[in-house]
Amino acid sequence: MSALRALPVKIGFLRAETNGSYLQRLAWANGLQIADLLNRLGSGPAQPVRLDEAELYLSAAALERLSHLTGCPVGCLRQALRCVREEFLLAVPASRAAWSWRSPDPKGPCVLQGCHRCAAAKGALHPVFIWSGLPWQICWRHGCWLDAMPQREDARAALQACMPLVLRAERQRLRFERRLGSTGRILFADALSTCAYW
């Protein structure tokens, strides 16, 4: 561990970003391939993965190494990155620095492509990926629709034209769900299906 030097370039966190996406950005910012960065964190499988299809999980020892590399305390990393929290750490011997890629649980949160404008504000030139409780999300700051499908620039522009209506509907949905709880989400989904397939 003493031979592990902190990376020269630090990067900011994006809200709800996946570990894999954050490490990809950290590697690029420091002129590394993600495989090189992962080797510094410990051992793991060599298969290539798509960041929209898998999440990176770390052991406690690999998390300590990440803390050292980033200059961020473990507590700060746990606040910023969902899957480095205690309940998500790999169950390996305490001293073993290891990592593994796993597909998200179908019953759990979804991995979506994050807002390209929020990412650009943090210096990211490539797509980033975030966790979401729904299979879609809206970036309120930039009025962007986010889902699991990467969007081309022309599709983004077409969506932008109808975003005021989408934002208004989303505000109404959130008010409805606050009043009725999880039942509100189900009723809203039923209403949306009825309108979409009428």
Protein backbone atom coordinates (compact mmCIF):
# COMPACT_ATOMS: atom_id res chain seq x y z
CA MET A 1 0.00 0.00 0.00
CA SER A 2 2.83 2.45 0.71
CA ALA A 3 4.05 2.02 -2.91
CA LEU A 4 0.62 3.10 -4.21
CA ARG A 5 0.88 6.76 -5.22
CA ALA A 6 -2.09 9.10 -5.50
CA LEU A 7 -3.15 9.93 -9.05
CA PRO A 8 -2.16 13.44 -10.15
CA VAL A 9 -5.56 14.45 -11.57
CA LYS A 10 -8.60 14.49 -9.27
CA ILE A 11 -12.13 14.48 -10.68
CA GLY A 12 -15.46 15.52 -9.21
CA PHE A 13 -18.35 13.19 -8.51
CA LEU A 14 -21.60 13.08 -10.46
CA ARG A 15 -24.80 12.50 -8.51
CA ALA A 16 -25.75 8.77 -8.44
CA GLU A 17 -22.86 7.80 -10.76
CA THR A 18 -21.92 4.12 -10.99
CA ASN A 19 -18.51 2.95 -9.77
CA GLY A 20 -17.59 1.77 -13.26
CA SER A 21 -18.43 5.13 -14.81
CA TYR A 22 -16.50 7.06 -12.13
CA LEU A 23 -13.42 4.85 -12.52
CA GLN A 24 -13.56 5.14 -16.31
CA ARG A 25 -13.55 8.95 -15.99
CA LEU A 26 -10.76 8.81 -13.40
CA ALA A 27 -8.65 6.62 -15.70
CA TRP A 28 -9.16 8.89 -18.73
CA ALA A 29 -8.41 12.04 -16.71
CA ASN A 30 -5.06 10.50 -15.74
CA GLY A 31 -4.16 9.18 -19.20
CA LEU A 32 -4.77 5.54 -18.22
CA GLN A 33 -6.80 2.69 -19.61
CA ILE A 34 -9.42 1.44 -17.15
CA ALA A 35 -7.61 -1.94 -17.04
CA ASP A 36 -4.47 -0.17 -15.76
CA LEU A 37 -6.44 1.57 -13.03
CA LEU A 38 -8.20 -1.66 -12.05
CA ASN A 39 -4.82 -3.40 -11.74
CA ARG A 40 -3.86 -0.77 -9.16
CA LEU A 41 -7.00 -1.61 -7.19
CA GLY A 42 -6.34 -5.35 -7.02
CA SER A 43 -7.22 -8.47 -8.98
CA GLY A 44 -10.34 -9.25 -10.96
CA PRO A 45 -11.72 -10.85 -14.12
CA ALA A 46 -10.18 -9.75 -17.41
CA GLN A 47 -13.35 -9.82 -19.55
CA PRO A 48 -14.37 -6.54 -21.23
CA VAL A 49 -17.67 -5.06 -20.07
CA ARG A 50 -20.09 -2.35 -21.15
CA LEU A 51 -20.62 0.24 -18.43
CA ASP A 52 -24.36 0.35 -19.16
CA GLU A 53 -24.68 -3.40 -18.52
CA ALA A 54 -22.53 -4.02 -15.45
CA GLU A 55 -21.39 -2.38 -12.24
CA LEU A 56 -17.98 -2.60 -10.61
CA TYR A 57 -17.89 -3.99 -7.07
CA LEU A 58 -14.84 -3.73 -4.79
CA SER A 59 -13.52 -5.52 -1.73
CA ALA A 60 -12.77 -3.50 1.42
CA ALA A 61 -9.03 -3.58 0.59
CA ALA A 62 -9.67 -2.38 -3.00
CA LEU A 63 -11.82 0.44 -1.62
CA GLU A 64 -8.90 1.49 0.63
CA ARG A 65 -6.67 1.53 -2.46
CA LEU A 66 -9.21 3.64 -4.35
CA SER A 67 -9.27 6.06 -1.41
CA HIS A 68 -5.48 6.34 -1.57
CA LEU A 69 -5.44 6.79 -5.36
CA THR A 70 -8.11 9.51 -5.34
CA GLY A 71 -7.08 11.26 -2.14
CA CYS A 72 -10.72 10.93 -0.96
CA PRO A 73 -11.48 9.40 2.44
CA VAL A 74 -13.48 6.14 2.33
CA GLY A 75 -16.44 7.93 3.97
CA CYS A 76 -16.51 10.51 1.17
CA LEU A 77 -16.40 7.76 -1.48
CA ARG A 78 -19.29 5.97 0.26
CA GLN A 79 -21.40 9.13 0.17
CA ALA A 80 -20.71 9.71 -3.53
CA LEU A 81 -20.71 6.15 -4.91
CA ARG A 82 -23.59 3.80 -4.07
CA CYS A 83 -21.85 0.46 -4.63
CA VAL A 84 -18.87 1.05 -2.33
CA ARG A 85 -21.11 1.14 0.73
CA GLU A 86 -20.55 -1.61 3.29
CA GLU A 87 -23.47 -3.79 2.13
CA PHE A 88 -22.15 -3.92 -1.44
CA LEU A 89 -18.50 -4.82 -0.75
CA LEU A 90 -17.25 -8.15 -2.10
CA ALA A 91 -17.16 -10.91 0.48
CA VAL A 92 -13.46 -11.86 0.31
CA PRO A 93 -10.77 -12.08 3.00
CA ALA A 94 -10.20 -8.61 4.51
CA SER A 95 -6.65 -8.26 3.18
CA ARG A 96 -7.50 -9.28 -0.41
CA ALA A 97 -7.77 -6.36 -2.84
CA ALA A 98 -10.25 -7.56 -5.46
CA TRP A 99 -12.91 -6.24 -7.82
CA SER A 100 -15.59 -7.80 -9.99
CA TRP A 101 -18.14 -6.74 -12.60
CA ARG A 102 -21.77 -7.75 -12.00
CA SER A 103 -25.03 -7.10 -13.79
CA PRO A 104 -27.54 -4.99 -11.84
CA ASP A 105 -30.28 -6.86 -10.00
CA PRO A 106 -33.42 -6.82 -12.22
CA LYS A 107 -35.49 -5.95 -9.12
CA GLY A 108 -33.19 -3.14 -8.05
CA PRO A 109 -32.23 0.27 -9.43
CA CYS A 110 -31.46 0.61 -13.16
CA VAL A 111 -28.31 1.88 -14.83
CA LEU A 112 -29.03 4.81 -17.15
CA GLN A 113 -26.89 7.00 -19.35
CA GLY A 114 -26.43 10.23 -17.38
CA CYS A 115 -27.01 13.79 -18.51
CA HIS A 116 -24.37 14.75 -21.06
CA ARG A 117 -24.40 18.39 -19.87
CA CYS A 118 -23.87 17.50 -16.19
CA ALA A 119 -21.05 15.19 -17.31
CA ALA A 120 -19.46 17.90 -19.47
CA ALA A 121 -19.54 20.30 -16.50
CA LYS A 122 -17.36 17.78 -14.63
CA GLY A 123 -14.99 17.48 -17.60
CA ALA A 124 -16.37 14.21 -19.00
CA LEU A 125 -16.22 14.00 -22.77
CA HIS A 126 -17.70 10.49 -22.97
CA PRO A 127 -21.04 9.06 -21.77
CA VAL A 128 -21.42 8.55 -18.03
CA PHE A 129 -23.76 6.14 -16.25
CA ILE A 130 -25.92 6.65 -13.19
CA TRP A 131 -28.25 4.68 -10.90
CA SER A 132 -31.98 5.36 -11.06
CA GLY A 133 -34.99 3.95 -9.21
CA LEU A 134 -36.93 4.08 -12.50
CA PRO A 135 -35.99 2.95 -16.03
CA TRP A 136 -35.93 6.64 -16.99
CA GLN A 137 -35.16 9.91 -15.30
CA ILE A 138 -35.22 13.63 -16.02
CA CYS A 139 -32.27 15.93 -15.39
CA TRP A 140 -34.03 18.95 -13.88
CA ARG A 141 -30.98 21.17 -14.24
CA HIS A 142 -30.72 20.77 -18.02
CA GLY A 143 -34.17 19.50 -18.99
CA CYS A 144 -32.77 16.25 -20.43
CA TRP A 145 -34.55 12.91 -20.72
CA LEU A 146 -32.37 10.05 -19.46
CA ASP A 147 -32.90 6.37 -20.14
CA ALA A 148 -30.95 3.20 -20.83
CA MET A 149 -30.63 3.91 -24.55
CA PRO A 150 -27.75 6.18 -25.59
CA GLN A 151 -29.17 9.09 -27.55
CA ARG A 152 -27.77 10.61 -30.71
CA GLU A 153 -27.58 14.38 -30.96
CA ASP A 154 -30.49 14.59 -33.45
CA ALA A 155 -32.73 12.48 -31.18
CA ARG A 156 -31.74 14.68 -28.24
CA ALA A 157 -32.73 17.80 -30.22
CA ALA A 158 -36.12 16.31 -31.14
CA LEU A 159 -36.80 15.45 -27.50
CA GLN A 160 -35.76 18.94 -26.40
CA ALA A 161 -38.69 20.45 -28.30
CA CYS A 162 -41.25 18.56 -26.20
CA MET A 163 -39.36 18.79 -22.88
CA PRO A 164 -41.56 21.58 -21.41
CA LEU A 165 -44.56 19.21 -21.63
CA VAL A 166 -42.52 16.31 -20.24
CA LEU A 167 -41.25 18.43 -17.32
CA ARG A 168 -44.79 19.56 -16.50
CA ALA A 169 -46.05 15.96 -16.58
CA GLU A 170 -43.14 14.85 -14.40
CA ARG A 171 -43.91 17.54 -11.79
CA GLN A 172 -47.54 16.37 -11.74
CA ARG A 173 -46.42 12.75 -11.38
CA LEU A 174 -44.20 13.63 -8.43
CA ARG A 175 -47.03 15.55 -6.69
CA PHE A 176 -49.37 12.60 -7.32
CA GLU A 177 -46.86 10.12 -5.87
CA ARG A 178 -46.17 12.31 -2.82
CA ARG A 179 -49.90 12.28 -2.04
CA LEU A 180 -50.53 8.57 -2.70
CA GLY A 181 -47.12 6.94 -2.16
CA SER A 182 -46.24 3.82 -4.15
CA THR A 183 -49.90 3.44 -5.20
CA GLY A 184 -49.54 6.80 -6.96
CA ARG A 185 -46.69 5.46 -9.09
CA ILE A 186 -48.78 2.43 -10.14
CA LEU A 187 -51.84 4.55 -10.95
CA PHE A 188 -49.73 7.01 -12.93
CA ALA A 189 -48.13 4.16 -14.89
CA ASP A 190 -51.60 2.79 -15.69
CA ALA A 191 -52.77 6.23 -16.86
CA LEU A 192 -49.65 6.61 -19.03
CA SER A 193 -50.22 3.17 -20.60
CA THR A 194 -53.86 4.04 -21.30
CA CYS A 195 -52.88 7.31 -23.00
CA ALA A 196 -50.02 5.75 -24.96
CA TYR A 197 -52.01 2.79 -26.30
CA TRP A 198 -55.50 4.33 -26.60
